[in-house]
Amino acid sequence: MRIKTCTKCGAANVPAQTWCGCGTKLPDQAIQDPAVRCPQCLSTQIAAGQKGFGAGKAVAGAVLLGPLGLLGGLVGSGKIKLTCLKCGHVFLPGA
């Protein structure tokens, strides 16, 4: 993720920002940040886990296809999801 780091307080800021919340002018160039960050609040406090069985998909599949449609709840169940511990935003890796 590309970010601008404040030279005064060290806060991470999105590239579109020109001023930090502390009132310091941000550098013109954004740098590539190797840390995994929440796309919403830029926090690095991230937890990873696997998606589970989707009850909503299973019900929709059962309505459309009968008992065999219950297997629709397993679609995507092996994917990894990331959760921001600061703001609660849930997102997929690479998003």
PDB file of N, CA and C in Angstrom:
ATOM      1  N   MET A   1       0.850  -1.174   0.000  1.00  0.00           N
ATOM      2  CA  MET A   1       0.000   0.000   0.000  1.00  0.00           C
ATOM      3  C   MET A   1       0.894   1.234   0.000  1.00  0.00           C
ATOM      4  N   ARG A   2       0.531   2.216  -0.772  1.00  0.00           N
ATOM      5  CA  ARG A   2       1.308   3.451  -0.833  1.00  0.00           C
ATOM      6  C   ARG A   2       0.758   4.419   0.215  1.00  0.00           C
ATOM      7  N   ILE A   3       1.655   5.000   1.003  1.00  0.00           N
ATOM      8  CA  ILE A   3       1.265   5.928   2.067  1.00  0.00           C
ATOM      9  C   ILE A   3       2.226   7.109   2.123  1.00  0.00           C
ATOM     10  N   LYS A   4       1.801   8.141   2.806  1.00  0.00           N
ATOM     11  CA  LYS A   4       2.672   9.266   3.156  1.00  0.00           C
ATOM     12  C   LYS A   4       2.802   9.245   4.670  1.00  0.00           C
ATOM     13  N   THR A   5       4.029   9.224   5.160  1.00  0.00           N
ATOM     14  CA  THR A   5       4.268   9.209   6.599  1.00  0.00           C
ATOM     15  C   THR A   5       4.618  10.617   7.056  1.00  0.00           C
ATOM     16  N   CYS A   6       3.969  11.068   8.114  1.00  0.00           N
ATOM     17  CA  CYS A   6       4.219  12.396   8.668  1.00  0.00           C
ATOM     18  C   CYS A   6       5.611  12.428   9.303  1.00  0.00           C
ATOM     19  N   THR A   7       6.371  13.461   8.978  1.00  0.00           N
ATOM     20  CA  THR A   7       7.730  13.583   9.523  1.00  0.00           C
ATOM     21  C   THR A   7       7.727  14.053  10.971  1.00  0.00           C
ATOM     22  N   LYS A   8       6.619  14.620  11.432  1.00  0.00           N
ATOM     23  CA  LYS A   8       6.546  15.125  12.799  1.00  0.00           C
ATOM     24  C   LYS A   8       5.997  14.075  13.770  1.00  0.00           C
ATOM     25  N   CYS A   9       4.810  13.512  13.460  1.00  0.00           N
ATOM     26  CA  CYS A   9       4.172  12.583  14.404  1.00  0.00           C
ATOM     27  C   CYS A   9       4.271  11.111  13.977  1.00  0.00           C
ATOM     28  N   GLY A  10       4.688  10.856  12.728  1.00  0.00           N
ATOM     29  CA  GLY A  10       4.847   9.486  12.255  1.00  0.00           C
ATOM     30  C   GLY A  10       3.556   8.810  11.815  1.00  0.00           C
ATOM     31  N   ALA A  11       2.462   9.539  11.743  1.00  0.00           N
ATOM     32  CA  ALA A  11       1.174   8.963  11.350  1.00  0.00           C
ATOM     33  C   ALA A  11       1.173   8.590   9.874  1.00  0.00           C
ATOM     34  N   ALA A  12       0.458   7.509   9.549  1.00  0.00           N
ATOM     35  CA  ALA A  12       0.295   7.083   8.161  1.00  0.00           C
ATOM     36  C   ALA A  12      -0.886   7.838   7.557  1.00  0.00           C
ATOM     37  N   ASN A  13      -0.706   8.339   6.341  1.00  0.00           N
ATOM     38  CA  ASN A  13      -1.741   9.100   5.658  1.00  0.00           C
ATOM     39  C   ASN A  13      -1.885   8.583   4.236  1.00  0.00           C
ATOM     40  N   VAL A  14      -3.096   8.662   3.674  1.00  0.00           N
ATOM     41  CA  VAL A  14      -3.314   8.237   2.293  1.00  0.00           C
ATOM     42  C   VAL A  14      -2.610   9.214   1.352  1.00  0.00           C
ATOM     43  N   PRO A  15      -2.197   8.750   0.144  1.00  0.00           N
ATOM     44  CA  PRO A  15      -1.443   9.604  -0.774  1.00  0.00           C
ATOM     45  C   PRO A  15      -2.152  10.889  -1.187  1.00  0.00           C
ATOM     46  N   ALA A  16      -3.485  10.898  -1.188  1.00  0.00           N
ATOM     47  CA  ALA A  16      -4.214  12.093  -1.616  1.00  0.00           C
ATOM     48  C   ALA A  16      -4.116  13.244  -0.606  1.00  0.00           C
ATOM     49  N   GLN A  17      -3.765  12.938   0.640  1.00  0.00           N
ATOM     50  CA  GLN A  17      -3.686  13.983   1.658  1.00  0.00           C
ATOM     51  C   GLN A  17      -2.422  14.820   1.473  1.00  0.00           C
ATOM     52  N   THR A  18      -2.549  16.115   1.715  1.00  0.00           N
ATOM     53  CA  THR A  18      -1.382  16.995   1.646  1.00  0.00           C
ATOM     54  C   THR A  18      -0.972  17.475   3.038  1.00  0.00           C
ATOM     55  N   TRP A  19      -1.889  17.400   3.996  1.00  0.00           N
ATOM     56  CA  TRP A  19      -1.597  17.812   5.372  1.00  0.00           C
ATOM     57  C   TRP A  19      -1.964  16.688   6.332  1.00  0.00           C
ATOM     58  N   CYS A  20      -1.148  16.483   7.347  1.00  0.00           N
ATOM     59  CA  CYS A  20      -1.430  15.492   8.387  1.00  0.00           C
ATOM     60  C   CYS A  20      -2.430  16.088   9.381  1.00  0.00           C
ATOM     61  N   GLY A  21      -3.079  15.242  10.160  1.00  0.00           N
ATOM     62  CA  GLY A  21      -4.002  15.705  11.188  1.00  0.00           C
ATOM     63  C   GLY A  21      -3.331  16.554  12.253  1.00  0.00           C
ATOM     64  N   CYS A  22      -1.999  16.416  12.409  1.00  0.00           N
ATOM     65  CA  CYS A  22      -1.269  17.213  13.405  1.00  0.00           C
ATOM     66  C   CYS A  22      -0.903  18.594  12.875  1.00  0.00           C
ATOM     67  N   GLY A  23      -1.214  18.863  11.584  1.00  0.00           N
ATOM     68  CA  GLY A  23      -0.940  20.179  11.012  1.00  0.00           C
ATOM     69  C   GLY A  23       0.365  20.273  10.240  1.00  0.00           C
ATOM     70  N   THR A  24       1.057  19.164  10.045  1.00  0.00           N
ATOM     71  CA  THR A  24       2.325  19.161   9.324  1.00  0.00           C
ATOM     72  C   THR A  24       2.088  18.891   7.846  1.00  0.00           C
ATOM     73  N   LYS A  25       2.795  19.624   6.967  1.00  0.00           N
ATOM     74  CA  LYS A  25       2.703  19.378   5.527  1.00  0.00           C
ATOM     75  C   LYS A  25       3.378  18.049   5.225  1.00  0.00           C
ATOM     76  N   LEU A  26       2.690  17.209   4.453  1.00  0.00           N
ATOM     77  CA  LEU A  26       3.210  15.880   4.115  1.00  0.00           C
ATOM     78  C   LEU A  26       4.140  15.952   2.906  1.00  0.00           C
ATOM     79  N   PRO A  27       5.094  15.019   2.809  1.00  0.00           N
ATOM     80  CA  PRO A  27       5.991  15.012   1.641  1.00  0.00           C
ATOM     81  C   PRO A  27       5.214  14.763   0.355  1.00  0.00           C
ATOM     82  N   ASP A  28       5.753  15.220  -0.768  1.00  0.00           N
ATOM     83  CA  ASP A  28       5.065  15.089  -2.050  1.00  0.00           C
ATOM     84  C   ASP A  28       4.979  13.644  -2.523  1.00  0.00           C
ATOM     85  N   GLN A  29       5.967  12.828  -2.232  1.00  0.00           N
ATOM     86  CA  GLN A  29       6.008  11.457  -2.702  1.00  0.00           C
ATOM     87  C   GLN A  29       5.460  10.486  -1.666  1.00  0.00           C
ATOM     88  N   ALA A  30       4.595   9.582  -2.122  1.00  0.00           N
ATOM     89  CA  ALA A  30       4.140   8.490  -1.262  1.00  0.00           C
ATOM     90  C   ALA A  30       5.153   7.362  -1.388  1.00  0.00           C
ATOM     91  N   ILE A  31       5.379   6.629  -0.317  1.00  0.00           N
ATOM     92  CA  ILE A  31       6.327   5.524  -0.344  1.00  0.00           C
ATOM     93  C   ILE A  31       5.574   4.199  -0.274  1.00  0.00           C
ATOM     94  N   GLN A  32       6.205   3.136  -0.772  1.00  0.00           N
ATOM     95  CA  GLN A  32       5.608   1.800  -0.689  1.00  0.00           C
ATOM     96  C   GLN A  32       5.813   1.294   0.728  1.00  0.00           C
ATOM     97  N   ASP A  33       4.725   0.981   1.405  1.00  0.00           N
ATOM     98  CA  ASP A  33       4.776   0.524   2.793  1.00  0.00           C
ATOM     99  C   ASP A  33       4.604  -0.990   2.821  1.00  0.00           C
ATOM    100  N   PRO A  34       5.583  -1.740   3.384  1.00  0.00           N
ATOM    101  CA  PRO A  34       5.473  -3.200   3.387  1.00  0.00           C
ATOM    102  C   PRO A  34       4.466  -3.755   4.406  1.00  0.00           C
ATOM    103  N   ALA A  35       4.017  -2.936   5.335  1.00  0.00           N
ATOM    104  CA  ALA A  35       3.095  -3.406   6.374  1.00  0.00           C
ATOM    105  C   ALA A  35       1.686  -3.609   5.811  1.00  0.00           C
ATOM    106  N   VAL A  36       0.972  -4.603   6.334  1.00  0.00           N
ATOM    107  CA  VAL A  36      -0.429  -4.804   5.983  1.00  0.00           C
ATOM    108  C   VAL A  36      -1.232  -3.773   6.768  1.00  0.00           C
ATOM    109  N   ARG A  37      -2.035  -2.992   6.062  1.00  0.00           N
ATOM    110  CA  ARG A  37      -2.813  -1.931   6.703  1.00  0.00           C
ATOM    111  C   ARG A  37      -4.278  -2.049   6.315  1.00  0.00           C
ATOM    112  N   CYS A  38      -5.137  -1.610   7.214  1.00  0.00           N
ATOM    113  CA  CYS A  38      -6.567  -1.541   6.931  1.00  0.00           C
ATOM    114  C   CYS A  38      -6.790  -0.480   5.850  1.00  0.00           C
ATOM    115  N   PRO A  39      -7.545  -0.799   4.784  1.00  0.00           N
ATOM    116  CA  PRO A  39      -7.782   0.194   3.750  1.00  0.00           C
ATOM    117  C   PRO A  39      -8.679   1.349   4.201  1.00  0.00           C
ATOM    118  N   GLN A  40      -9.348   1.188   5.350  1.00  0.00           N
ATOM    119  CA  GLN A  40     -10.253   2.226   5.824  1.00  0.00           C
ATOM    120  C   GLN A  40      -9.578   3.207   6.782  1.00  0.00           C
ATOM    121  N   CYS A  41      -8.852   2.677   7.793  1.00  0.00           N
ATOM    122  CA  CYS A  41      -8.266   3.567   8.805  1.00  0.00           C
ATOM    123  C   CYS A  41      -6.737   3.537   8.820  1.00  0.00           C
ATOM    124  N   LEU A  42      -6.106   2.717   7.971  1.00  0.00           N
ATOM    125  CA  LEU A  42      -4.658   2.575   7.832  1.00  0.00           C
ATOM    126  C   LEU A  42      -3.975   1.977   9.060  1.00  0.00           C
ATOM    127  N   SER A  43      -4.721   1.341   9.942  1.00  0.00           N
ATOM    128  CA  SER A  43      -4.144   0.694  11.117  1.00  0.00           C
ATOM    129  C   SER A  43      -3.378  -0.558  10.701  1.00  0.00           C
ATOM    130  N   THR A  44      -2.343  -0.910  11.462  1.00  0.00           N
ATOM    131  CA  THR A  44      -1.595  -2.144  11.210  1.00  0.00           C
ATOM    132  C   THR A  44      -2.033  -3.255  12.162  1.00  0.00           C
ATOM    133  N   GLN A  45      -3.042  -3.012  12.972  1.00  0.00           N
ATOM    134  CA  GLN A  45      -3.557  -4.011  13.912  1.00  0.00           C
ATOM    135  C   GLN A  45      -4.582  -4.876  13.181  1.00  0.00           C
ATOM    136  N   ILE A  46      -4.083  -5.947  12.535  1.00  0.00           N
ATOM    137  CA  ILE A  46      -4.900  -6.781  11.672  1.00  0.00           C
ATOM    138  C   ILE A  46      -4.907  -8.217  12.191  1.00  0.00           C
ATOM    139  N   ALA A  47      -6.069  -8.850  12.195  1.00  0.00           N
ATOM    140  CA  ALA A  47      -6.192 -10.261  12.555  1.00  0.00           C
ATOM    141  C   ALA A  47      -6.643 -11.021  11.308  1.00  0.00           C
ATOM    142  N   ALA A  48      -6.096 -12.224  11.109  1.00  0.00           N
ATOM    143  CA  ALA A  48      -6.452 -13.049   9.957  1.00  0.00           C
ATOM    144  C   ALA A  48      -7.223 -14.275  10.418  1.00  0.00           C
ATOM    145  N   GLY A  49      -8.169 -14.716   9.610  1.00  0.00           N
ATOM    146  CA  GLY A  49      -8.951 -15.905   9.918  1.00  0.00           C
ATOM    147  C   GLY A  49      -9.601 -16.436   8.660  1.00  0.00           C
ATOM    148  N   GLN A  50     -10.126 -17.645   8.728  1.00  0.00           N
ATOM    149  CA  GLN A  50     -10.807 -18.239   7.582  1.00  0.00           C
ATOM    150  C   GLN A  50     -12.293 -17.949   7.629  1.00  0.00           C
ATOM    151  N   LYS A  51     -12.847 -17.737   6.431  1.00  0.00           N
ATOM    152  CA  LYS A  51     -14.296 -17.570   6.341  1.00  0.00           C
ATOM    153  C   LYS A  51     -14.944 -18.908   6.625  1.00  0.00           C
ATOM    154  N   GLY A  52     -16.094 -18.897   7.243  1.00  0.00           N
ATOM    155  CA  GLY A  52     -16.804 -20.125   7.574  1.00  0.00           C
ATOM    156  C   GLY A  52     -17.947 -20.413   6.611  1.00  0.00           C
ATOM    157  N   PHE A  53     -18.810 -21.296   7.018  1.00  0.00           N
ATOM    158  CA  PHE A  53     -19.996 -21.675   6.248  1.00  0.00           C
ATOM    159  C   PHE A  53     -20.927 -20.473   6.154  1.00  0.00           C
ATOM    160  N   GLY A  54     -21.380 -20.134   4.946  1.00  0.00           N
ATOM    161  CA  GLY A  54     -22.286 -19.006   4.733  1.00  0.00           C
ATOM    162  C   GLY A  54     -23.739 -19.434   4.784  1.00  0.00           C
ATOM    163  N   ALA A  55     -24.414 -19.158   5.893  1.00  0.00           N
ATOM    164  CA  ALA A  55     -25.811 -19.574   6.052  1.00  0.00           C
ATOM    165  C   ALA A  55     -26.715 -18.907   5.019  1.00  0.00           C
ATOM    166  N   GLY A  56     -26.435 -17.646   4.702  1.00  0.00           N
ATOM    167  CA  GLY A  56     -27.254 -16.935   3.717  1.00  0.00           C
ATOM    168  C   GLY A  56     -27.175 -17.578   2.344  1.00  0.00           C
ATOM    169  N   LYS A  57     -25.957 -17.973   1.946  1.00  0.00           N
ATOM    170  CA  LYS A  57     -25.786 -18.643   0.654  1.00  0.00           C
ATOM    171  C   LYS A  57     -26.479 -20.003   0.662  1.00  0.00           C
ATOM    172  N   ALA A  58     -26.419 -20.696   1.784  1.00  0.00           N
ATOM    173  CA  ALA A  58     -27.050 -22.012   1.891  1.00  0.00           C
ATOM    174  C   ALA A  58     -28.563 -21.898   1.751  1.00  0.00           C
ATOM    175  N   VAL A  59     -29.170 -20.918   2.410  1.00  0.00           N
ATOM    176  CA  VAL A  59     -30.623 -20.729   2.333  1.00  0.00           C
ATOM    177  C   VAL A  59     -31.030 -20.363   0.911  1.00  0.00           C
ATOM    178  N   ALA A  60     -30.283 -19.456   0.291  1.00  0.00           N
ATOM    179  CA  ALA A  60     -30.593 -19.059  -1.088  1.00  0.00           C
ATOM    180  C   ALA A  60     -30.470 -20.256  -2.031  1.00  0.00           C
ATOM    181  N   GLY A  61     -29.426 -21.060  -1.842  1.00  0.00           N
ATOM    182  CA  GLY A  61     -29.247 -22.246  -2.669  1.00  0.00           C
ATOM    183  C   GLY A  61     -30.356 -23.255  -2.463  1.00  0.00           C
ATOM    184  N   ALA A  62     -30.808 -23.417  -1.216  1.00  0.00           N
ATOM    185  CA  ALA A  62     -31.874 -24.363  -0.916  1.00  0.00           C
ATOM    186  C   ALA A  62     -33.188 -23.924  -1.555  1.00  0.00           C
ATOM    187  N   VAL A  63     -33.451 -22.631  -1.552  1.00  0.00           N
ATOM    188  CA  VAL A  63     -34.675 -22.110  -2.170  1.00  0.00           C
ATOM    189  C   VAL A  63     -34.642 -22.337  -3.672  1.00  0.00           C
ATOM    190  N   LEU A  64     -33.476 -22.102  -4.288  1.00  0.00           N
ATOM    191  CA  LEU A  64     -33.363 -22.219  -5.740  1.00  0.00           C
ATOM    192  C   LEU A  64     -33.212 -23.663  -6.222  1.00  0.00           C
ATOM    193  N   LEU A  65     -32.431 -24.473  -5.489  1.00  0.00           N
ATOM    194  CA  LEU A  65     -32.085 -25.803  -5.978  1.00  0.00           C
ATOM    195  C   LEU A  65     -32.514 -26.945  -5.071  1.00  0.00           C
ATOM    196  N   GLY A  66     -33.200 -26.668  -3.995  1.00  0.00           N
ATOM    197  CA  GLY A  66     -33.614 -27.716  -3.070  1.00  0.00           C
ATOM    198  C   GLY A  66     -32.469 -28.112  -2.147  1.00  0.00           C
ATOM    199  N   PRO A  67     -32.507 -29.319  -1.591  1.00  0.00           N
ATOM    200  CA  PRO A  67     -31.496 -29.755  -0.619  1.00  0.00           C
ATOM    201  C   PRO A  67     -30.063 -29.698  -1.137  1.00  0.00           C
ATOM    202  N   LEU A  68     -29.864 -29.931  -2.424  1.00  0.00           N
ATOM    203  CA  LEU A  68     -28.523 -29.861  -2.989  1.00  0.00           C
ATOM    204  C   LEU A  68     -27.962 -28.431  -2.913  1.00  0.00           C
ATOM    205  N   GLY A  69     -28.829 -27.455  -2.935  1.00  0.00           N
ATOM    206  CA  GLY A  69     -28.422 -26.058  -2.867  1.00  0.00           C
ATOM    207  C   GLY A  69     -27.801 -25.661  -1.549  1.00  0.00           C
ATOM    208  N   LEU A  70     -27.981 -26.479  -0.493  1.00  0.00           N
ATOM    209  CA  LEU A  70     -27.359 -26.188   0.803  1.00  0.00           C
ATOM    210  C   LEU A  70     -25.837 -26.167   0.703  1.00  0.00           C
ATOM    211  N   LEU A  71     -25.296 -26.871  -0.288  1.00  0.00           N
ATOM    212  CA  LEU A  71     -23.841 -26.860  -0.480  1.00  0.00           C
ATOM    213  C   LEU A  71     -23.331 -25.485  -0.899  1.00  0.00           C
ATOM    214  N   GLY A  72     -24.235 -24.612  -1.334  1.00  0.00           N
ATOM    215  CA  GLY A  72     -23.841 -23.250  -1.698  1.00  0.00           C
ATOM    216  C   GLY A  72     -23.247 -22.488  -0.525  1.00  0.00           C
ATOM    217  N   GLY A  73     -23.563 -22.896   0.686  1.00  0.00           N
ATOM    218  CA  GLY A  73     -22.992 -22.251   1.868  1.00  0.00           C
ATOM    219  C   GLY A  73     -21.518 -22.496   2.037  1.00  0.00           C
ATOM    220  N   LEU A  74     -21.001 -23.493   1.333  1.00  0.00           N
ATOM    221  CA  LEU A  74     -19.564 -23.786   1.407  1.00  0.00           C
ATOM    222  C   LEU A  74     -18.735 -22.959   0.435  1.00  0.00           C
ATOM    223  N   VAL A  75     -19.387 -22.275  -0.519  1.00  0.00           N
ATOM    224  CA  VAL A  75     -18.661 -21.473  -1.499  1.00  0.00           C
ATOM    225  C   VAL A  75     -17.875 -20.380  -0.787  1.00  0.00           C
ATOM    226  N   GLY A  76     -16.585 -20.337  -1.015  1.00  0.00           N
ATOM    227  CA  GLY A  76     -15.722 -19.318  -0.415  1.00  0.00           C
ATOM    228  C   GLY A  76     -15.356 -19.567   1.032  1.00  0.00           C
ATOM    229  N   SER A  77     -15.698 -20.743   1.566  1.00  0.00           N
ATOM    230  CA  SER A  77     -15.455 -20.975   2.991  1.00  0.00           C
ATOM    231  C   SER A  77     -13.980 -21.143   3.332  1.00  0.00           C
ATOM    232  N   GLY A  78     -13.126 -21.458   2.365  1.00  0.00           N
ATOM    233  CA  GLY A  78     -11.708 -21.643   2.645  1.00  0.00           C
ATOM    234  C   GLY A  78     -10.887 -20.376   2.503  1.00  0.00           C
ATOM    235  N   LYS A  79     -11.499 -19.280   2.085  1.00  0.00           N
ATOM    236  CA  LYS A  79     -10.764 -18.038   1.857  1.00  0.00           C
ATOM    237  C   LYS A  79     -10.346 -17.391   3.180  1.00  0.00           C
ATOM    238  N   ILE A  80      -9.229 -16.683   3.133  1.00  0.00           N
ATOM    239  CA  ILE A  80      -8.740 -15.944   4.298  1.00  0.00           C
ATOM    240  C   ILE A  80      -9.399 -14.561   4.310  1.00  0.00           C
ATOM    241  N   LYS A  81      -9.853 -14.128   5.479  1.00  0.00           N
ATOM    242  CA  LYS A  81     -10.380 -12.774   5.622  1.00  0.00           C
ATOM    243  C   LYS A  81      -9.545 -12.055   6.678  1.00  0.00           C
ATOM    244  N   LEU A  82      -9.367 -10.767   6.498  1.00  0.00           N
ATOM    245  CA  LEU A  82      -8.612  -9.938   7.432  1.00  0.00           C
ATOM    246  C   LEU A  82      -9.578  -8.997   8.137  1.00  0.00           C
ATOM    247  N   THR A  83      -9.385  -8.824   9.438  1.00  0.00           N
ATOM    248  CA  THR A  83     -10.239  -7.948  10.233  1.00  0.00           C
ATOM    249  C   THR A  83      -9.375  -6.922  10.938  1.00  0.00           C
ATOM    250  N   CYS A  84      -9.721  -5.658  10.793  1.00  0.00           N
ATOM    251  CA  CYS A  84      -9.005  -4.586  11.482  1.00  0.00           C
ATOM    252  C   CYS A  84      -9.458  -4.570  12.941  1.00  0.00           C
ATOM    253  N   LEU A  85      -8.498  -4.634  13.847  1.00  0.00           N
ATOM    254  CA  LEU A  85      -8.835  -4.639  15.268  1.00  0.00           C
ATOM    255  C   LEU A  85      -9.151  -3.240  15.796  1.00  0.00           C
ATOM    256  N   LYS A  86      -8.846  -2.219  14.999  1.00  0.00           N
ATOM    257  CA  LYS A  86      -9.122  -0.842  15.425  1.00  0.00           C
ATOM    258  C   LYS A  86     -10.537  -0.398  15.031  1.00  0.00           C
ATOM    259  N   CYS A  87     -10.901  -0.607  13.746  1.00  0.00           N
ATOM    260  CA  CYS A  87     -12.210  -0.118  13.286  1.00  0.00           C
ATOM    261  C   CYS A  87     -13.207  -1.227  12.971  1.00  0.00           C
ATOM    262  N   GLY A  88     -12.754  -2.501  12.929  1.00  0.00           N
ATOM    263  CA  GLY A  88     -13.655  -3.616  12.681  1.00  0.00           C
ATOM    264  C   GLY A  88     -13.913  -3.912  11.214  1.00  0.00           C
ATOM    265  N   HIS A  89     -13.278  -3.177  10.297  1.00  0.00           N
ATOM    266  CA  HIS A  89     -13.473  -3.391   8.856  1.00  0.00           C
ATOM    267  C   HIS A  89     -12.965  -4.780   8.473  1.00  0.00           C
ATOM    268  N   VAL A  90     -13.764  -5.537   7.707  1.00  0.00           N
ATOM    269  CA  VAL A  90     -13.381  -6.871   7.241  1.00  0.00           C
ATOM    270  C   VAL A  90     -13.080  -6.767   5.746  1.00  0.00           C
ATOM    271  N   PHE A  91     -11.921  -7.302   5.325  1.00  0.00           N
ATOM    272  CA  PHE A  91     -11.525  -7.232   3.935  1.00  0.00           C
ATOM    273  C   PHE A  91     -10.699  -8.450   3.561  1.00  0.00           C
ATOM    274  N   LEU A  92     -10.541  -8.685   2.255  1.00  0.00           N
ATOM    275  CA  LEU A  92      -9.772  -9.814   1.758  1.00  0.00           C
ATOM    276  C   LEU A  92      -8.350  -9.359   1.477  1.00  0.00           C
ATOM    277  N   PRO A  93      -7.360 -10.249   1.584  1.00  0.00           N
ATOM    278  CA  PRO A  93      -5.973  -9.882   1.271  1.00  0.00           C
ATOM    279  C   PRO A  93      -5.878  -9.364  -0.162  1.00  0.00           C
ATOM    280  N   GLY A  94      -5.066  -8.354  -0.356  1.00  0.00           N
ATOM    281  CA  GLY A  94      -4.877  -7.780  -1.678  1.00  0.00           C
ATOM    282  C   GLY A  94      -5.927  -6.739  -2.051  1.00  0.00           C
ATOM    283  N   ALA A  95      -6.898  -6.519  -1.183  1.00  0.00           N
ATOM    284  CA  ALA A  95      -7.949  -5.539  -1.478  1.00  0.00           C
ATOM    285  C   ALA A  95      -7.591  -4.176  -0.932  1.00  0.00           C
TER     286      ALA A  95
END
